Every structure is written in C-alpha cells, then in structure tokens.
Amino acid sequence: MELKLKIYQSSTIGVVGRYCHLFRRSKDANRPECDAFEYGNLTGRQYFLPPGFDGVPYICPRVPPGGGKTFMGARAVGTVAKRLPETDAPVCLWICPTSIIRDQTLRVLSEKTNDHHYIALRRAIGPDVEVAKLQKRNRVGS
C-alpha cells in the first residue's frame, strides 16, 4: 500500500513543479537568469544561486523535522524530471546536512523492503532508477 501525500507535502511538490515549468518556459524564451527571475515571481523571495551552478535550476523547499522530506523528495524527483525534460536519464543531486542523514536516506531509497519510499521513487521515475553515493575524491596536482 502506497502512502498518500499530506496537503502541505502535495502543495510543496506543486510549487516545485510550477517553478520547473516557469523555468523551462523562461529558458525556452531565452530570458537571461530565468532561474532567479521565475523563483522571485513564484515565491516573492530573493533567489540563492549556489556557486558553480549557473544556469542550473535550484530549489530547496524547507520542511520541518518529521515532515516527510525523504518521501516528498522521492515523489518530487519525478515532478522535476517530467517538467524539465532535456534528457531521457535525468540526474538528481540530493544534498544532506550530515552523513547520518545521507546514509539513512540512501538506505530507505534503495531498499525494496521500505516500500513507501522505494515505490514512490520508482513510480515517479520508472524502474531504471539508480541510487548511488558520491565518493569524495582527492585531486592530485593543481
């Protein structure tokens, strides 16, 4: 049995979807800085552009502890992939504040026994989903 989203969770994913739609529309119209422009229009807030992410849509919804962030994220990945279609194999970078949360998130998104998260992610994206952990690499030289 799949869990249903709560009203605030559905609303948050809806905002993510609208941002992606507006970003895509602005980008197609060659509007400069469409990420910041559309974010400001949608939220009325100043857009934060992470260093090195020029031209990459960025949105970071705030959800309180215990608010179902992992479950929402599993559903939101599909929303983003459908609204920003530039590839048949979209990539999502999931950033966590601690290694403990990262490891827990990796576990629940990868385990078939955790049906709520696993099913939500696969229904959102499809069966060809890979959940992987990025490894820190030491650069040699410059």
Foldseek 3Di string as FASTA:
>chain_A
DADDADPVLVVVLVLLLVLLQQLVVCVVVVPPPSLQVSVCVSPVDGDDDPPPQHPPRDDDDDADPVRCPLLSVLQSVLSNCVSNPPDLDDDDDDDDPDVVVVVVSLVLCPDVVNVHNVVNNCVSNNDPDDRDDDDDDDDDDD
